[in-house]
């Protein structure tokens, strides 16, 4: 009997999480609700959760753009387009390596929204 009650309780918890995720997705929030948020210069940002992106290209500019595009695409998939604006994100880190013709870049930041 105890196992049945635990199973039902876990099932209800799972349904609650699904309902919360569905409501958040409709609001353009995706899974952002599972993280703590903080206010940063008028924006709402994830408190301590970073997203990363990697890209490569023949020039540093193209490699950086590819890395930011990867960051944007993954962030939009997980949290929705509201959170997927690199220019609004906080705590940005960028690094590139390689030589002309073969540059690789990595970017990382905390997603933010208005």
Protein backbone atom coordinates (compact mmCIF):
# COMPACT_ATOMS: atom_id res chain seq x y z
CA UNK A 1 0.00 0.00 0.00
CA UNK A 2 2.83 2.39 0.88
CA UNK A 3 4.46 1.76 -2.52
CA UNK A 4 1.18 2.59 -4.29
CA UNK A 5 0.88 5.89 -2.40
CA UNK A 6 4.49 6.78 -3.23
CA UNK A 7 3.90 5.86 -6.89
CA UNK A 8 0.76 7.98 -7.07
CA UNK A 9 2.55 10.87 -5.36
CA UNK A 10 5.45 10.70 -7.83
CA UNK A 11 2.99 10.51 -10.73
CA UNK A 12 1.19 13.63 -9.52
CA UNK A 13 4.52 15.42 -9.10
CA UNK A 14 5.45 14.50 -12.69
CA UNK A 15 2.08 15.74 -13.98
CA UNK A 16 2.55 18.98 -12.07
CA UNK A 17 5.99 19.48 -13.63
CA UNK A 18 4.60 18.79 -17.11
CA UNK A 19 1.74 21.25 -16.55
CA UNK A 20 4.20 23.88 -15.29
CA UNK A 21 6.48 23.32 -18.31
CA UNK A 22 3.53 23.56 -20.71
CA UNK A 23 2.38 26.82 -19.14
CA UNK A 24 5.92 28.18 -19.21
CA UNK A 25 6.33 27.18 -22.86
CA UNK A 26 3.11 29.00 -23.77
CA UNK A 27 4.51 32.08 -22.02
CA UNK A 28 7.78 31.75 -23.97
CA UNK A 29 9.66 30.70 -20.83
CA UNK A 30 10.49 27.09 -21.75
CA UNK A 31 12.43 25.53 -18.90
CA UNK A 32 13.68 28.85 -17.49
CA UNK A 33 11.36 28.42 -14.51
CA UNK A 34 13.54 25.66 -13.09
CA UNK A 35 16.38 28.15 -12.46
CA UNK A 36 16.73 31.04 -10.04
CA UNK A 37 16.46 34.51 -11.62
CA UNK A 38 18.05 37.85 -10.73
CA UNK A 39 17.60 41.40 -11.98
CA UNK A 40 20.59 42.82 -13.87
CA UNK A 41 20.40 46.37 -15.27
CA UNK A 42 16.66 46.18 -15.89
CA UNK A 43 16.76 42.65 -17.35
CA UNK A 44 15.75 39.34 -15.79
CA UNK A 45 18.67 36.90 -15.97
CA UNK A 46 19.33 33.36 -14.87
CA UNK A 47 21.19 33.69 -11.57
CA UNK A 48 23.98 31.18 -12.08
CA UNK A 49 23.16 29.05 -15.12
CA UNK A 50 25.32 29.57 -18.22
CA UNK A 51 24.79 28.45 -21.80
CA UNK A 52 27.64 27.81 -24.20
CA UNK A 53 28.11 27.91 -27.95
CA UNK A 54 30.93 26.85 -30.24
CA UNK A 55 31.61 27.78 -33.83
CA UNK A 56 34.32 27.89 -36.44
CA UNK A 57 35.08 29.77 -39.61
CA UNK A 58 37.82 31.13 -41.80
CA UNK A 59 37.91 34.43 -39.88
CA UNK A 60 37.49 35.37 -36.24
CA UNK A 61 34.36 37.38 -37.08
CA UNK A 62 32.74 34.40 -38.80
CA UNK A 63 33.76 31.98 -36.03
CA UNK A 64 32.37 34.30 -33.33
CA UNK A 65 29.11 34.69 -35.27
CA UNK A 66 28.81 30.90 -35.58
CA UNK A 67 29.42 30.46 -31.83
CA UNK A 68 26.80 33.09 -30.95
CA UNK A 69 24.35 31.45 -33.38
CA UNK A 70 24.92 28.09 -31.62
CA UNK A 71 24.33 29.77 -28.22
CA UNK A 72 21.17 31.45 -29.53
CA UNK A 73 19.76 28.29 -31.13
CA UNK A 74 20.26 26.15 -28.02
CA UNK A 75 18.94 28.83 -25.66
CA UNK A 76 15.83 29.31 -27.83
CA UNK A 77 15.25 25.57 -27.90
CA UNK A 78 15.49 25.26 -24.12
CA UNK A 79 13.87 28.51 -22.92
CA UNK A 80 12.18 30.11 -25.93
CA UNK A 81 13.14 33.06 -28.12
CA UNK A 82 12.55 35.55 -25.28
CA UNK A 83 15.72 34.31 -23.57
CA UNK A 84 17.78 33.74 -26.72
CA UNK A 85 19.18 37.22 -27.37
CA UNK A 86 22.96 37.22 -27.02
CA UNK A 87 23.06 41.01 -26.76
CA UNK A 88 20.84 40.87 -23.64
CA UNK A 89 22.74 38.06 -21.92
CA UNK A 90 24.97 38.65 -18.88
CA UNK A 91 28.45 37.57 -17.83
CA UNK A 92 29.63 37.04 -21.40
CA UNK A 93 32.83 35.11 -22.02
CA UNK A 94 34.41 34.65 -25.45
CA UNK A 95 37.58 32.90 -26.53
CA UNK A 96 38.99 32.02 -29.92
CA UNK A 97 41.98 30.03 -31.15
CA UNK A 98 43.51 28.90 -34.40
CA UNK A 99 45.04 30.66 -37.34
CA UNK A 100 43.56 32.54 -40.28
CA UNK A 101 41.48 30.17 -42.34
CA UNK A 102 40.66 27.90 -39.39
CA UNK A 103 39.42 29.78 -36.31
CA UNK A 104 37.36 28.21 -33.51
CA UNK A 105 35.46 30.27 -30.95
CA UNK A 106 33.58 29.47 -27.76
CA UNK A 107 31.06 31.75 -26.06
CA UNK A 108 29.30 31.48 -22.72
CA UNK A 109 26.81 33.67 -20.89
CA UNK A 110 23.75 33.73 -18.66
CA UNK A 111 20.52 34.08 -20.67
CA UNK A 112 18.41 37.19 -19.91
CA UNK A 113 15.07 38.59 -21.00
CA UNK A 114 13.20 41.89 -20.62
